């Protein structure tokens, strides 16, 4: 049983690494996600913003500029969040 749990954890870690390494993969935070999942997904999103200066969250690409301000593009305009 321990081996199966270990293998499942390895699969989840690989999936998280894949999501972390590609800021174009959408991270979806659902209204019914538990607190642990929300924190994990938020941390991945923030890490991607720091590393790549962009991260897709709930279907919207979010950016971080050189002054550390967070924004999205809407109708060709920067909307600061």
N, C-alpha and C. Protein backbone atom coordinates (compact mmCIF):
# COMPACT_ATOMS: atom_id res chain seq x y z
N UNK A 1 0.82 -1.21 0.00
CA UNK A 1 0.00 0.00 0.00
C UNK A 1 0.86 1.27 0.00
N UNK A 2 1.95 1.24 0.75
CA UNK A 2 2.86 2.38 0.81
C UNK A 2 3.45 2.68 -0.57
N UNK A 3 3.78 1.65 -1.32
CA UNK A 3 4.34 1.83 -2.64
C UNK A 3 3.36 2.51 -3.59
N UNK A 4 2.10 2.13 -3.52
CA UNK A 4 1.07 2.74 -4.37
C UNK A 4 0.91 4.22 -4.02
N UNK A 5 0.91 4.54 -2.74
CA UNK A 5 0.78 5.93 -2.30
C UNK A 5 1.99 6.74 -2.77
N UNK A 6 3.19 6.15 -2.68
CA UNK A 6 4.41 6.82 -3.14
C UNK A 6 4.33 7.12 -4.63
N UNK A 7 3.86 6.15 -5.41
CA UNK A 7 3.74 6.35 -6.86
C UNK A 7 2.72 7.43 -7.20
N UNK A 8 1.63 7.46 -6.47
CA UNK A 8 0.62 8.51 -6.69
C UNK A 8 1.21 9.88 -6.39
N UNK A 9 1.95 9.99 -5.29
CA UNK A 9 2.59 11.26 -4.94
C UNK A 9 3.59 11.70 -6.01
N UNK A 10 4.34 10.74 -6.58
CA UNK A 10 5.28 11.07 -7.65
C UNK A 10 4.56 11.61 -8.87
N UNK A 11 3.41 11.04 -9.20
CA UNK A 11 2.62 11.51 -10.34
C UNK A 11 2.16 12.94 -10.10
N UNK A 12 1.65 13.22 -8.89
CA UNK A 12 1.20 14.57 -8.58
C UNK A 12 2.35 15.57 -8.62
N UNK A 13 3.51 15.18 -8.14
CA UNK A 13 4.67 16.08 -8.17
C UNK A 13 5.10 16.38 -9.60
N UNK A 14 5.10 15.38 -10.45
CA UNK A 14 5.45 15.60 -11.86
C UNK A 14 4.44 16.54 -12.53
N UNK A 15 3.17 16.36 -12.22
CA UNK A 15 2.12 17.22 -12.80
C UNK A 15 2.30 18.65 -12.33
N UNK A 16 2.59 18.84 -11.05
CA UNK A 16 2.81 20.19 -10.53
C UNK A 16 4.05 20.83 -11.17
N UNK A 17 5.10 20.05 -11.37
CA UNK A 17 6.32 20.56 -12.01
C UNK A 17 6.01 21.00 -13.44
N UNK A 18 5.21 20.20 -14.14
CA UNK A 18 4.82 20.54 -15.52
C UNK A 18 4.03 21.86 -15.53
N UNK A 19 3.09 22.00 -14.60
CA UNK A 19 2.28 23.22 -14.52
C UNK A 19 3.17 24.41 -14.15
N UNK A 20 4.07 24.22 -13.20
CA UNK A 20 4.95 25.30 -12.78
C UNK A 20 5.85 25.77 -13.92
N UNK A 21 6.33 24.86 -14.73
CA UNK A 21 7.32 25.21 -15.75
C UNK A 21 6.71 25.81 -17.02
N UNK A 22 5.39 25.87 -17.11
CA UNK A 22 4.74 26.44 -18.29
C UNK A 22 3.65 27.44 -17.86
N UNK A 23 3.94 28.74 -17.94
CA UNK A 23 2.97 29.74 -17.48
C UNK A 23 1.71 29.82 -18.35
N UNK A 24 1.72 29.16 -19.51
CA UNK A 24 0.55 29.19 -20.39
C UNK A 24 -0.49 28.11 -20.04
N UNK A 25 -0.12 27.18 -19.16
CA UNK A 25 -1.09 26.18 -18.70
C UNK A 25 -1.99 26.85 -17.67
N UNK A 26 -3.29 26.73 -17.88
CA UNK A 26 -4.26 27.37 -17.00
C UNK A 26 -4.30 26.69 -15.64
N UNK A 27 -4.28 27.52 -14.59
CA UNK A 27 -4.55 27.04 -13.24
C UNK A 27 -5.97 27.48 -12.91
N UNK A 28 -6.82 26.51 -12.62
CA UNK A 28 -8.21 26.82 -12.33
C UNK A 28 -8.46 26.66 -10.84
N UNK A 29 -8.84 27.75 -10.19
CA UNK A 29 -9.23 27.70 -8.78
C UNK A 29 -10.75 27.75 -8.75
N UNK A 30 -11.33 26.64 -8.32
CA UNK A 30 -12.79 26.52 -8.30
C UNK A 30 -13.34 27.01 -6.97
N UNK A 31 -14.58 27.42 -7.00
CA UNK A 31 -15.25 27.91 -5.79
C UNK A 31 -15.31 26.83 -4.72
N UNK A 32 -15.34 25.56 -5.14
CA UNK A 32 -15.45 24.47 -4.17
C UNK A 32 -14.12 23.79 -3.86
N UNK A 33 -12.99 24.37 -4.31
CA UNK A 33 -11.68 23.84 -3.94
C UNK A 33 -11.48 23.98 -2.44
N UNK A 34 -10.83 23.00 -1.85
CA UNK A 34 -10.55 23.12 -0.42
C UNK A 34 -9.36 24.06 -0.21
N UNK A 35 -9.16 24.46 1.03
CA UNK A 35 -8.15 25.46 1.35
C UNK A 35 -6.75 25.02 0.92
N UNK A 36 -6.43 23.75 1.12
CA UNK A 36 -5.11 23.23 0.76
C UNK A 36 -4.86 23.36 -0.75
N UNK A 37 -5.85 23.03 -1.57
CA UNK A 37 -5.71 23.16 -3.02
C UNK A 37 -5.60 24.62 -3.45
N UNK A 38 -6.37 25.48 -2.83
CA UNK A 38 -6.30 26.91 -3.16
C UNK A 38 -4.91 27.45 -2.86
N UNK A 39 -4.38 27.10 -1.71
CA UNK A 39 -3.04 27.58 -1.34
C UNK A 39 -1.99 27.03 -2.30
N UNK A 40 -2.07 25.74 -2.63
CA UNK A 40 -1.11 25.12 -3.54
C UNK A 40 -1.16 25.77 -4.92
N UNK A 41 -2.36 25.96 -5.45
CA UNK A 41 -2.52 26.57 -6.78
C UNK A 41 -2.07 28.03 -6.76
N UNK A 42 -2.39 28.76 -5.70
CA UNK A 42 -1.98 30.16 -5.59
C UNK A 42 -0.46 30.28 -5.53
N UNK A 43 0.18 29.38 -4.81
CA UNK A 43 1.64 29.40 -4.72
C UNK A 43 2.29 29.12 -6.07
N UNK A 44 1.75 28.18 -6.82
CA UNK A 44 2.27 27.91 -8.16
C UNK A 44 2.09 29.14 -9.05
N UNK A 45 0.92 29.76 -8.97
CA UNK A 45 0.64 30.97 -9.77
C UNK A 45 1.64 32.08 -9.43
N UNK A 46 1.85 32.34 -8.14
CA UNK A 46 2.79 33.39 -7.72
C UNK A 46 4.22 33.07 -8.14
N UNK A 47 4.59 31.80 -8.05
CA UNK A 47 5.95 31.40 -8.45
C UNK A 47 6.15 31.62 -9.95
N UNK A 48 5.12 31.30 -10.75
CA UNK A 48 5.24 31.52 -12.20
C UNK A 48 5.32 33.01 -12.51
N UNK A 49 4.56 33.84 -11.80
CA UNK A 49 4.65 35.28 -12.01
C UNK A 49 6.07 35.77 -11.72
N UNK A 50 6.66 35.27 -10.66
CA UNK A 50 8.02 35.68 -10.31
C UNK A 50 9.03 35.22 -11.34
N UNK A 51 8.90 33.99 -11.80
CA UNK A 51 9.88 33.44 -12.73
C UNK A 51 9.68 33.91 -14.17
N UNK A 52 8.44 33.89 -14.65
CA UNK A 52 8.17 34.15 -16.07
C UNK A 52 7.54 35.52 -16.34
N UNK A 53 7.11 36.21 -15.28
CA UNK A 53 6.42 37.50 -15.39
C UNK A 53 5.03 37.35 -16.01
N UNK A 54 4.51 36.12 -16.05
CA UNK A 54 3.15 35.88 -16.53
C UNK A 54 2.69 34.52 -16.02
N UNK A 55 1.36 34.39 -15.90
CA UNK A 55 0.78 33.13 -15.46
C UNK A 55 -0.71 33.14 -15.79
N UNK A 56 -1.19 32.04 -16.32
CA UNK A 56 -2.61 31.94 -16.67
C UNK A 56 -3.38 31.39 -15.48
N UNK A 57 -4.37 32.16 -15.01
CA UNK A 57 -5.17 31.80 -13.85
C UNK A 57 -6.65 31.96 -14.20
N UNK A 58 -7.41 30.88 -14.02
CA UNK A 58 -8.84 30.89 -14.32
C UNK A 58 -9.14 31.45 -15.72
N UNK A 59 -8.31 31.07 -16.67
CA UNK A 59 -8.54 31.42 -18.06
C UNK A 59 -8.03 32.79 -18.48
N UNK A 60 -7.46 33.55 -17.56
CA UNK A 60 -6.94 34.89 -17.90
C UNK A 60 -5.43 34.92 -17.68
N UNK A 61 -4.72 35.48 -18.64
CA UNK A 61 -3.28 35.64 -18.50
C UNK A 61 -3.03 36.86 -17.62
N UNK A 62 -2.28 36.66 -16.55
CA UNK A 62 -1.93 37.72 -15.60
C UNK A 62 -0.44 37.98 -15.76
N UNK A 63 -0.05 39.26 -15.71
CA UNK A 63 1.34 39.65 -15.93
C UNK A 63 1.89 40.40 -14.72
N UNK A 64 3.22 40.45 -14.63
CA UNK A 64 3.91 41.21 -13.60
C UNK A 64 4.96 42.06 -14.30
N UNK A 65 4.92 43.38 -14.08
CA UNK A 65 5.88 44.25 -14.75
C UNK A 65 7.16 44.40 -13.93
N UNK A 66 8.10 45.19 -14.46
CA UNK A 66 9.39 45.37 -13.80
C UNK A 66 9.28 46.07 -12.45
N UNK A 67 8.17 46.75 -12.23
CA UNK A 67 7.95 47.44 -10.96
C UNK A 67 7.14 46.57 -9.99
N UNK A 68 6.99 45.28 -10.34
CA UNK A 68 6.29 44.30 -9.50
C UNK A 68 4.77 44.52 -9.44
N UNK A 69 4.23 45.30 -10.38
CA UNK A 69 2.79 45.52 -10.42
C UNK A 69 2.13 44.40 -11.22
N UNK A 70 0.96 43.97 -10.78
CA UNK A 70 0.22 42.87 -11.40
C UNK A 70 -0.87 43.47 -12.30
N UNK A 71 -0.98 42.93 -13.51
CA UNK A 71 -1.99 43.45 -14.43
C UNK A 71 -2.43 42.37 -15.41
N UNK A 72 -3.53 42.67 -16.11
CA UNK A 72 -3.98 41.83 -17.23
C UNK A 72 -4.24 42.75 -18.41
N UNK A 73 -4.31 42.18 -19.58
CA UNK A 73 -4.60 42.95 -20.79
C UNK A 73 -6.07 42.77 -21.13
N UNK A 74 -6.77 43.88 -21.33
CA UNK A 74 -8.17 43.84 -21.71
C UNK A 74 -8.39 44.91 -22.77
N UNK A 75 -8.87 44.51 -23.95
CA UNK A 75 -9.06 45.44 -25.07
C UNK A 75 -7.79 46.23 -25.35
N UNK A 76 -6.66 45.55 -25.38
CA UNK A 76 -5.34 46.11 -25.66
C UNK A 76 -4.88 47.14 -24.63
N UNK A 77 -5.47 47.13 -23.45
CA UNK A 77 -5.05 48.04 -22.37
C UNK A 77 -4.64 47.24 -21.16
N UNK A 78 -3.65 47.78 -20.42
CA UNK A 78 -3.24 47.18 -19.16
C UNK A 78 -4.26 47.55 -18.09
N UNK A 79 -4.78 46.56 -17.42
CA UNK A 79 -5.67 46.77 -16.29
C UNK A 79 -4.92 46.27 -15.05
N UNK A 80 -4.54 47.20 -14.17
CA UNK A 80 -3.78 46.81 -12.98
C UNK A 80 -4.73 46.25 -11.94
N UNK A 81 -4.28 45.19 -11.30
CA UNK A 81 -5.11 44.49 -10.32
C UNK A 81 -4.67 44.83 -8.91
